[in-house]
């Protein structure tokens, strides 16, 4: 597998995300990180799914970017 094909997924639980605007804020802010490939927010589940390249960005950096949006979060699932 080439470096560009490496991917992992992390899922965060988030609080107080209850509208499309909240989701866009999270997706835009976290999606700016180098190495983040995709960010999806499931409003009804209070979850954020992040696909990323672990060679380029750490889970801690993703969590910090998410926290900077003002929404409390914690990691629930890590999947390679």
N, C-alpha and C. Protein backbone atom coordinates (compact mmCIF):
# COMPACT_ATOMS: atom_id res chain seq x y z
N UNK A 1 0.85 -1.18 0.00
CA UNK A 1 0.00 0.00 0.00
C UNK A 1 0.89 1.24 0.00
N UNK A 2 0.63 2.16 -0.88
CA UNK A 2 1.43 3.38 -0.95
C UNK A 2 1.05 4.33 0.18
N UNK A 3 1.92 5.26 0.43
CA UNK A 3 1.69 6.23 1.49
C UNK A 3 0.39 7.00 1.27
N UNK A 4 0.07 7.33 0.01
CA UNK A 4 -1.14 8.11 -0.28
C UNK A 4 -2.42 7.31 -0.05
N UNK A 5 -2.29 5.97 0.01
CA UNK A 5 -3.47 5.14 0.20
C UNK A 5 -3.72 4.80 1.66
N UNK A 6 -2.81 5.12 2.55
CA UNK A 6 -2.98 4.81 3.97
C UNK A 6 -4.11 5.65 4.54
N UNK A 7 -4.95 4.98 5.29
CA UNK A 7 -6.08 5.70 5.85
C UNK A 7 -6.54 5.01 7.13
N UNK A 8 -7.01 5.81 8.05
CA UNK A 8 -7.60 5.31 9.28
C UNK A 8 -8.83 6.16 9.55
N UNK A 9 -9.68 5.66 10.43
CA UNK A 9 -10.89 6.41 10.79
C UNK A 9 -10.97 6.49 12.31
N UNK A 10 -11.30 7.67 12.78
CA UNK A 10 -11.55 7.87 14.20
C UNK A 10 -12.94 8.48 14.34
N UNK A 11 -13.64 8.06 15.38
CA UNK A 11 -14.98 8.58 15.65
C UNK A 11 -14.96 9.30 16.99
N UNK A 12 -15.52 10.50 17.00
CA UNK A 12 -15.64 11.28 18.22
C UNK A 12 -17.10 11.48 18.57
N UNK A 13 -17.42 11.40 19.84
CA UNK A 13 -18.74 11.82 20.33
C UNK A 13 -18.62 13.32 20.57
N UNK A 14 -19.64 14.06 20.20
CA UNK A 14 -19.64 15.51 20.42
C UNK A 14 -20.95 15.91 21.08
N UNK A 15 -20.89 16.93 21.88
CA UNK A 15 -22.08 17.43 22.56
C UNK A 15 -22.54 18.72 21.91
N UNK A 16 -23.81 18.95 21.98
CA UNK A 16 -24.42 20.21 21.56
C UNK A 16 -24.34 20.47 20.06
N UNK A 17 -24.14 19.45 19.26
CA UNK A 17 -24.19 19.61 17.81
C UNK A 17 -25.61 19.24 17.40
N UNK A 18 -26.40 20.27 17.05
CA UNK A 18 -27.81 19.99 16.80
C UNK A 18 -28.35 20.61 15.51
N UNK A 19 -27.44 21.09 14.66
CA UNK A 19 -27.92 21.68 13.40
C UNK A 19 -26.85 21.57 12.32
N UNK A 20 -27.26 21.85 11.10
CA UNK A 20 -26.34 21.76 9.96
C UNK A 20 -25.22 22.79 10.06
N UNK A 21 -25.49 23.94 10.65
CA UNK A 21 -24.45 24.95 10.81
C UNK A 21 -23.35 24.45 11.73
N UNK A 22 -23.74 23.82 12.83
CA UNK A 22 -22.75 23.23 13.74
C UNK A 22 -21.89 22.22 13.00
N UNK A 23 -22.53 21.36 12.23
CA UNK A 23 -21.81 20.34 11.47
C UNK A 23 -20.83 20.97 10.49
N UNK A 24 -21.26 22.01 9.79
CA UNK A 24 -20.37 22.68 8.82
C UNK A 24 -19.16 23.30 9.51
N UNK A 25 -19.36 23.89 10.67
CA UNK A 25 -18.25 24.48 11.41
C UNK A 25 -17.21 23.41 11.74
N UNK A 26 -17.67 22.29 12.26
CA UNK A 26 -16.76 21.19 12.60
C UNK A 26 -16.06 20.66 11.36
N UNK A 27 -16.82 20.37 10.33
CA UNK A 27 -16.26 19.78 9.11
C UNK A 27 -15.25 20.71 8.45
N UNK A 28 -15.53 22.00 8.44
CA UNK A 28 -14.62 22.96 7.83
C UNK A 28 -13.33 23.08 8.64
N UNK A 29 -13.46 23.21 9.95
CA UNK A 29 -12.29 23.42 10.80
C UNK A 29 -11.39 22.19 10.84
N UNK A 30 -11.96 21.02 11.08
CA UNK A 30 -11.16 19.79 11.16
C UNK A 30 -10.64 19.41 9.78
N UNK A 31 -11.42 19.65 8.75
CA UNK A 31 -11.03 19.32 7.39
C UNK A 31 -9.85 20.10 6.86
N UNK A 32 -9.49 21.21 7.52
CA UNK A 32 -8.34 22.02 7.10
C UNK A 32 -7.00 21.38 7.47
N UNK A 33 -7.02 20.43 8.39
CA UNK A 33 -5.77 19.81 8.81
C UNK A 33 -5.14 19.00 7.68
N UNK A 34 -3.83 19.16 7.50
CA UNK A 34 -3.14 18.35 6.50
C UNK A 34 -3.21 16.89 6.94
N UNK A 35 -3.60 16.03 6.04
CA UNK A 35 -3.71 14.62 6.35
C UNK A 35 -5.13 14.16 6.62
N UNK A 36 -6.04 15.11 6.85
CA UNK A 36 -7.45 14.75 7.02
C UNK A 36 -8.06 14.61 5.64
N UNK A 37 -8.62 13.44 5.38
CA UNK A 37 -9.19 13.15 4.06
C UNK A 37 -10.67 13.43 3.97
N UNK A 38 -11.41 13.20 5.07
CA UNK A 38 -12.85 13.40 5.05
C UNK A 38 -13.36 13.58 6.47
N UNK A 39 -14.36 14.43 6.63
CA UNK A 39 -15.00 14.66 7.92
C UNK A 39 -16.50 14.64 7.69
N UNK A 40 -17.19 13.81 8.44
CA UNK A 40 -18.65 13.73 8.37
C UNK A 40 -19.20 13.86 9.78
N UNK A 41 -20.24 14.66 9.91
CA UNK A 41 -20.91 14.84 11.20
C UNK A 41 -22.29 14.21 11.13
N UNK A 42 -22.56 13.31 12.07
CA UNK A 42 -23.88 12.68 12.18
C UNK A 42 -24.60 13.38 13.33
N UNK A 43 -25.40 14.37 12.99
CA UNK A 43 -26.05 15.21 13.99
C UNK A 43 -26.91 14.39 14.94
N UNK A 44 -27.72 13.51 14.39
CA UNK A 44 -28.65 12.73 15.22
C UNK A 44 -27.92 11.76 16.15
N UNK A 45 -26.70 11.38 15.80
CA UNK A 45 -25.92 10.45 16.63
C UNK A 45 -24.93 11.16 17.53
N UNK A 46 -24.79 12.48 17.35
CA UNK A 46 -23.78 13.27 18.07
C UNK A 46 -22.38 12.71 17.85
N UNK A 47 -22.08 12.36 16.60
CA UNK A 47 -20.77 11.79 16.27
C UNK A 47 -20.13 12.52 15.10
N UNK A 48 -18.81 12.54 15.13
CA UNK A 48 -18.01 13.07 14.02
C UNK A 48 -17.07 11.95 13.59
N UNK A 49 -17.09 11.63 12.30
CA UNK A 49 -16.24 10.59 11.72
C UNK A 49 -15.14 11.28 10.92
N UNK A 50 -13.90 10.94 11.20
CA UNK A 50 -12.77 11.57 10.51
C UNK A 50 -11.91 10.48 9.87
N UNK A 51 -11.77 10.54 8.55
CA UNK A 51 -10.85 9.68 7.81
C UNK A 51 -9.56 10.48 7.62
N UNK A 52 -8.43 9.87 7.96
CA UNK A 52 -7.18 10.62 7.94
C UNK A 52 -6.00 9.71 7.64
N UNK A 53 -4.88 10.33 7.30
CA UNK A 53 -3.62 9.63 7.07
C UNK A 53 -2.80 9.73 8.35
N UNK A 54 -2.62 8.62 9.08
CA UNK A 54 -1.89 8.68 10.34
C UNK A 54 -0.42 9.05 10.19
N UNK A 55 0.10 9.02 8.98
CA UNK A 55 1.47 9.45 8.74
C UNK A 55 1.58 10.97 8.69
N UNK A 56 0.45 11.65 8.50
CA UNK A 56 0.47 13.10 8.33
C UNK A 56 -0.17 13.87 9.48
N UNK A 57 -1.09 13.24 10.20
CA UNK A 57 -1.79 13.96 11.27
C UNK A 57 -2.10 12.97 12.40
N UNK A 58 -1.98 13.45 13.63
CA UNK A 58 -2.25 12.59 14.78
C UNK A 58 -3.69 12.74 15.26
N UNK A 59 -4.14 11.74 15.99
CA UNK A 59 -5.48 11.82 16.58
C UNK A 59 -5.55 13.00 17.54
N UNK A 60 -4.47 13.24 18.27
CA UNK A 60 -4.46 14.36 19.21
C UNK A 60 -4.65 15.69 18.48
N UNK A 61 -4.01 15.85 17.33
CA UNK A 61 -4.17 17.09 16.55
C UNK A 61 -5.61 17.24 16.06
N UNK A 62 -6.22 16.13 15.67
CA UNK A 62 -7.62 16.17 15.22
C UNK A 62 -8.52 16.55 16.38
N UNK A 63 -8.28 15.94 17.54
CA UNK A 63 -9.09 16.25 18.72
C UNK A 63 -8.95 17.72 19.12
N UNK A 64 -7.73 18.24 19.08
CA UNK A 64 -7.51 19.64 19.43
C UNK A 64 -8.23 20.57 18.46
N UNK A 65 -8.19 20.24 17.17
CA UNK A 65 -8.91 21.06 16.18
C UNK A 65 -10.41 21.01 16.45
N UNK A 66 -10.91 19.85 16.79
CA UNK A 66 -12.33 19.71 17.11
C UNK A 66 -12.67 20.51 18.36
N UNK A 67 -11.84 20.44 19.38
CA UNK A 67 -12.08 21.19 20.61
C UNK A 67 -12.08 22.70 20.37
N UNK A 68 -11.26 23.16 19.43
CA UNK A 68 -11.19 24.60 19.13
C UNK A 68 -12.49 25.13 18.51
N UNK A 69 -13.33 24.23 18.01
CA UNK A 69 -14.62 24.67 17.47
C UNK A 69 -15.59 25.02 18.59
N UNK A 70 -15.26 24.62 19.83
CA UNK A 70 -16.13 24.93 20.96
C UNK A 70 -17.08 23.80 21.35
N UNK A 71 -16.99 22.69 20.65
CA UNK A 71 -17.85 21.55 20.96
C UNK A 71 -17.06 20.52 21.76
N UNK A 72 -17.57 20.15 22.94
CA UNK A 72 -16.90 19.16 23.78
C UNK A 72 -16.92 17.81 23.06
N UNK A 73 -15.80 17.11 23.10
CA UNK A 73 -15.72 15.85 22.37
C UNK A 73 -14.85 14.85 23.11
N UNK A 74 -15.04 13.59 22.76
CA UNK A 74 -14.13 12.54 23.19
C UNK A 74 -14.14 11.43 22.16
N UNK A 75 -12.96 10.79 22.02
CA UNK A 75 -12.82 9.74 21.02
C UNK A 75 -13.54 8.49 21.49
N UNK A 76 -14.23 7.83 20.57
CA UNK A 76 -14.93 6.61 20.94
C UNK A 76 -14.42 5.39 20.18
N UNK A 77 -14.05 5.56 18.93
CA UNK A 77 -13.66 4.40 18.11
C UNK A 77 -12.48 4.79 17.22
N UNK A 78 -11.50 3.90 17.18
CA UNK A 78 -10.37 4.06 16.27
C UNK A 78 -10.35 2.83 15.38
N UNK A 79 -10.29 3.06 14.08
CA UNK A 79 -10.34 1.96 13.13
C UNK A 79 -9.30 2.17 12.05
N UNK A 80 -8.46 1.14 11.82
CA UNK A 80 -7.47 1.22 10.74
C UNK A 80 -8.09 0.83 9.43
